[in-house]
Amino acid sequence: MDADEAREIGLAALTVLELPHEEQVSVAAQAGYSHAGLRLVPVAGQPYNHPFDVVQVEKRLADTGVSVLDVEVFRLTPRTNIKEF
């Protein structure tokens, strides 16, 4: 890597689960991260379950320049509607 190239680093969803997804993106930007990870559905015992507002998340990504690094907990079941993701 050139000295002029910035390292890409992402804010893990687990560190900011108490925030709605679009706020997680804002926090990542404010902290200087280039990326953010998002958790779409809660896992066992997780106290936070913010609805995923794709319009707001996409707007926040565009406004901040942050990109999505990873998406956590994507479960496939017979009832999964792929178009929702």
N, C-alpha and C. Protein backbone atom coordinates (compact mmCIF):
# COMPACT_ATOMS: atom_id res chain seq x y z
N MET A 1 0.84 -1.17 0.00
CA MET A 1 0.00 0.00 0.00
C MET A 1 0.89 1.23 0.00
N ASP A 2 0.57 2.18 -0.86
CA ASP A 2 1.26 3.47 -0.89
C ASP A 2 1.02 4.23 0.41
N ALA A 3 1.95 5.06 0.77
CA ALA A 3 1.77 5.90 1.96
C ALA A 3 0.60 6.86 1.79
N ASP A 4 0.28 7.20 0.53
CA ASP A 4 -0.82 8.13 0.25
C ASP A 4 -2.19 7.47 0.28
N GLU A 5 -2.22 6.14 0.25
CA GLU A 5 -3.49 5.43 0.25
C GLU A 5 -4.03 5.31 1.67
N ALA A 6 -5.31 5.55 1.82
CA ALA A 6 -5.94 5.41 3.13
C ALA A 6 -6.36 3.96 3.33
N ARG A 7 -6.23 3.49 4.53
CA ARG A 7 -6.72 2.14 4.85
C ARG A 7 -8.23 2.18 4.99
N GLU A 8 -8.87 1.17 4.44
CA GLU A 8 -10.31 1.05 4.60
C GLU A 8 -10.56 0.25 5.86
N ILE A 9 -11.39 0.79 6.73
CA ILE A 9 -11.69 0.12 7.99
C ILE A 9 -13.15 0.37 8.32
N GLY A 10 -13.81 -0.64 8.86
CA GLY A 10 -15.24 -0.53 9.11
C GLY A 10 -15.59 -0.58 10.59
N LEU A 11 -16.63 0.13 10.93
CA LEU A 11 -17.21 0.10 12.27
C LEU A 11 -18.13 -1.11 12.36
N ALA A 12 -17.86 -2.01 13.29
CA ALA A 12 -18.67 -3.23 13.44
C ALA A 12 -20.02 -2.90 14.06
N ALA A 13 -21.05 -3.51 13.55
CA ALA A 13 -22.41 -3.27 14.06
C ALA A 13 -22.50 -3.56 15.55
N LEU A 14 -21.81 -4.56 16.01
CA LEU A 14 -21.90 -4.97 17.41
C LEU A 14 -21.54 -3.84 18.37
N THR A 15 -20.72 -2.90 17.94
CA THR A 15 -20.29 -1.83 18.85
C THR A 15 -21.33 -0.72 19.00
N VAL A 16 -22.32 -0.68 18.11
CA VAL A 16 -23.32 0.39 18.15
C VAL A 16 -24.74 -0.13 17.91
N LEU A 17 -25.02 -1.31 18.41
CA LEU A 17 -26.34 -1.93 18.18
C LEU A 17 -27.50 -1.12 18.74
N GLU A 18 -27.23 -0.29 19.73
CA GLU A 18 -28.31 0.50 20.32
C GLU A 18 -28.83 1.59 19.39
N LEU A 19 -28.10 1.87 18.32
CA LEU A 19 -28.48 2.93 17.38
C LEU A 19 -29.21 2.38 16.16
N PRO A 20 -30.14 3.15 15.61
CA PRO A 20 -30.75 2.76 14.33
C PRO A 20 -29.66 2.69 13.25
N HIS A 21 -29.90 1.93 12.22
CA HIS A 21 -28.89 1.68 11.18
C HIS A 21 -28.32 2.95 10.57
N GLU A 22 -29.18 3.93 10.26
CA GLU A 22 -28.67 5.15 9.63
C GLU A 22 -27.77 5.94 10.60
N GLU A 23 -28.06 5.85 11.89
CA GLU A 23 -27.21 6.50 12.89
C GLU A 23 -25.87 5.78 13.02
N GLN A 24 -25.87 4.48 12.83
CA GLN A 24 -24.62 3.72 12.84
C GLN A 24 -23.70 4.22 11.72
N VAL A 25 -24.29 4.50 10.57
CA VAL A 25 -23.51 5.04 9.44
C VAL A 25 -22.95 6.40 9.80
N SER A 26 -23.76 7.24 10.42
CA SER A 26 -23.30 8.58 10.82
C SER A 26 -22.15 8.50 11.82
N VAL A 27 -22.27 7.60 12.79
CA VAL A 27 -21.21 7.44 13.79
C VAL A 27 -19.93 6.98 13.11
N ALA A 28 -20.05 6.05 12.18
CA ALA A 28 -18.87 5.58 11.45
C ALA A 28 -18.18 6.75 10.74
N ALA A 29 -18.96 7.59 10.09
CA ALA A 29 -18.40 8.74 9.39
C ALA A 29 -17.73 9.71 10.36
N GLN A 30 -18.41 10.00 11.46
CA GLN A 30 -17.88 10.94 12.44
C GLN A 30 -16.58 10.44 13.07
N ALA A 31 -16.46 9.14 13.19
CA ALA A 31 -15.26 8.55 13.80
C ALA A 31 -14.14 8.33 12.78
N GLY A 32 -14.40 8.62 11.51
CA GLY A 32 -13.37 8.49 10.49
C GLY A 32 -13.28 7.14 9.81
N TYR A 33 -14.28 6.29 10.02
CA TYR A 33 -14.31 5.00 9.33
C TYR A 33 -14.74 5.19 7.88
N SER A 34 -14.23 4.35 7.00
CA SER A 34 -14.64 4.39 5.60
C SER A 34 -15.85 3.50 5.35
N HIS A 35 -16.09 2.56 6.27
CA HIS A 35 -17.15 1.57 6.10
C HIS A 35 -17.89 1.35 7.41
N ALA A 36 -19.06 0.72 7.29
CA ALA A 36 -19.83 0.30 8.46
C ALA A 36 -20.41 -1.07 8.18
N GLY A 37 -20.50 -1.88 9.22
CA GLY A 37 -21.19 -3.15 9.14
C GLY A 37 -22.60 -2.95 9.68
N LEU A 38 -23.55 -3.65 9.12
CA LEU A 38 -24.95 -3.52 9.57
C LEU A 38 -25.49 -4.89 9.94
N ARG A 39 -26.29 -4.93 11.00
CA ARG A 39 -26.98 -6.16 11.41
C ARG A 39 -28.45 -5.96 11.11
N LEU A 40 -28.99 -6.77 10.22
CA LEU A 40 -30.37 -6.59 9.76
C LEU A 40 -31.41 -7.14 10.71
N VAL A 41 -31.10 -8.24 11.37
CA VAL A 41 -32.05 -8.85 12.28
C VAL A 41 -31.35 -9.15 13.60
N PRO A 42 -32.08 -9.09 14.72
CA PRO A 42 -31.45 -9.37 16.01
C PRO A 42 -31.08 -10.84 16.14
N VAL A 43 -30.12 -11.10 16.99
CA VAL A 43 -29.76 -12.48 17.31
C VAL A 43 -30.20 -12.77 18.74
N ALA A 44 -30.09 -14.00 19.15
CA ALA A 44 -30.59 -14.46 20.45
C ALA A 44 -30.23 -13.51 21.58
N GLY A 45 -31.24 -13.00 22.25
CA GLY A 45 -31.03 -12.16 23.41
C GLY A 45 -30.67 -10.71 23.12
N GLN A 46 -30.57 -10.34 21.88
CA GLN A 46 -30.21 -8.95 21.54
C GLN A 46 -31.37 -8.04 21.90
N PRO A 47 -31.13 -7.03 22.73
CA PRO A 47 -32.24 -6.18 23.19
C PRO A 47 -32.70 -5.15 22.16
N TYR A 48 -31.92 -4.93 21.12
CA TYR A 48 -32.26 -3.89 20.15
C TYR A 48 -32.79 -4.52 18.87
N ASN A 49 -33.86 -3.94 18.36
CA ASN A 49 -34.45 -4.44 17.12
C ASN A 49 -35.00 -3.26 16.34
N HIS A 50 -34.10 -2.49 15.75
CA HIS A 50 -34.52 -1.33 14.96
C HIS A 50 -34.97 -1.79 13.58
N PRO A 51 -36.08 -1.27 13.08
CA PRO A 51 -36.48 -1.62 11.71
C PRO A 51 -35.44 -1.11 10.73
N PHE A 52 -35.20 -1.87 9.68
CA PHE A 52 -34.22 -1.47 8.66
C PHE A 52 -34.91 -0.59 7.64
N ASP A 53 -34.58 0.69 7.63
CA ASP A 53 -35.16 1.66 6.71
C ASP A 53 -34.15 1.89 5.58
N VAL A 54 -34.31 1.12 4.51
CA VAL A 54 -33.34 1.14 3.42
C VAL A 54 -33.20 2.53 2.80
N VAL A 55 -34.28 3.28 2.71
CA VAL A 55 -34.23 4.63 2.12
C VAL A 55 -33.34 5.53 2.97
N GLN A 56 -33.55 5.51 4.28
CA GLN A 56 -32.76 6.35 5.18
C GLN A 56 -31.29 5.91 5.21
N VAL A 57 -31.04 4.61 5.20
CA VAL A 57 -29.67 4.12 5.20
C VAL A 57 -28.96 4.51 3.91
N GLU A 58 -29.61 4.33 2.78
CA GLU A 58 -28.99 4.71 1.50
C GLU A 58 -28.71 6.21 1.46
N LYS A 59 -29.63 7.02 1.97
CA LYS A 59 -29.42 8.48 2.01
C LYS A 59 -28.22 8.82 2.89
N ARG A 60 -28.13 8.20 4.05
CA ARG A 60 -27.04 8.48 4.97
C ARG A 60 -25.70 8.03 4.38
N LEU A 61 -25.70 6.88 3.71
CA LEU A 61 -24.48 6.42 3.04
C LEU A 61 -24.03 7.44 1.99
N ALA A 62 -24.98 7.92 1.20
CA ALA A 62 -24.65 8.90 0.15
C ALA A 62 -24.18 10.22 0.77
N ASP A 63 -24.82 10.64 1.85
CA ASP A 63 -24.46 11.91 2.49
C ASP A 63 -23.08 11.87 3.14
N THR A 64 -22.70 10.71 3.66
CA THR A 64 -21.45 10.61 4.42
C THR A 64 -20.27 10.06 3.62
N GLY A 65 -20.56 9.35 2.53
CA GLY A 65 -19.49 8.71 1.78
C GLY A 65 -19.04 7.38 2.37
N VAL A 66 -19.69 6.95 3.45
CA VAL A 66 -19.38 5.66 4.06
C VAL A 66 -19.99 4.56 3.19
N SER A 67 -19.31 3.40 3.12
CA SER A 67 -19.82 2.25 2.38
C SER A 67 -20.14 1.13 3.36
N VAL A 68 -20.96 0.20 2.94
CA VAL A 68 -21.28 -0.97 3.77
C VAL A 68 -20.19 -2.00 3.54
N LEU A 69 -19.61 -2.46 4.64
CA LEU A 69 -18.55 -3.47 4.58
C LEU A 69 -19.12 -4.88 4.65
N ASP A 70 -20.05 -5.08 5.58
CA ASP A 70 -20.65 -6.40 5.73
C ASP A 70 -22.05 -6.27 6.31
N VAL A 71 -22.83 -7.32 6.11
CA VAL A 71 -24.19 -7.39 6.62
C VAL A 71 -24.28 -8.67 7.44
N GLU A 72 -24.70 -8.51 8.68
CA GLU A 72 -24.74 -9.65 9.59
C GLU A 72 -26.13 -10.27 9.69
N VAL A 73 -26.12 -11.51 9.91
CA VAL A 73 -27.28 -12.34 10.24
C VAL A 73 -28.34 -12.26 9.15
N PHE A 74 -28.05 -12.91 8.08
CA PHE A 74 -29.01 -13.04 6.98
C PHE A 74 -29.48 -14.49 6.99
N ARG A 75 -30.71 -14.70 7.45
CA ARG A 75 -31.23 -16.06 7.57
C ARG A 75 -32.14 -16.40 6.39
N LEU A 76 -31.93 -17.56 5.84
CA LEU A 76 -32.80 -18.06 4.78
C LEU A 76 -33.71 -19.12 5.37
N THR A 77 -35.02 -18.88 5.24
CA THR A 77 -36.02 -19.86 5.69
C THR A 77 -37.02 -20.01 4.55
N PRO A 78 -37.93 -20.95 4.66
CA PRO A 78 -38.94 -21.08 3.61
C PRO A 78 -39.79 -19.81 3.43
N ARG A 79 -39.85 -18.96 4.45
CA ARG A 79 -40.66 -17.73 4.38
C ARG A 79 -39.83 -16.51 3.97
N THR A 80 -38.53 -16.67 3.73
CA THR A 80 -37.69 -15.53 3.38
C THR A 80 -38.10 -14.96 2.03
N ASN A 81 -38.34 -13.67 1.99
CA ASN A 81 -38.65 -12.98 0.75
C ASN A 81 -37.37 -12.25 0.31
N ILE A 82 -36.66 -12.83 -0.63
CA ILE A 82 -35.37 -12.29 -1.07
C ILE A 82 -35.49 -10.84 -1.53
N LYS A 83 -36.60 -10.47 -2.14
CA LYS A 83 -36.79 -9.11 -2.64
C LYS A 83 -36.76 -8.08 -1.50
N GLU A 84 -37.06 -8.49 -0.27
CA GLU A 84 -37.02 -7.58 0.86
C GLU A 84 -35.59 -7.18 1.22
N PHE A 85 -34.62 -7.96 0.81
CA PHE A 85 -33.24 -7.67 1.13
C PHE A 85 -32.55 -7.00 -0.03
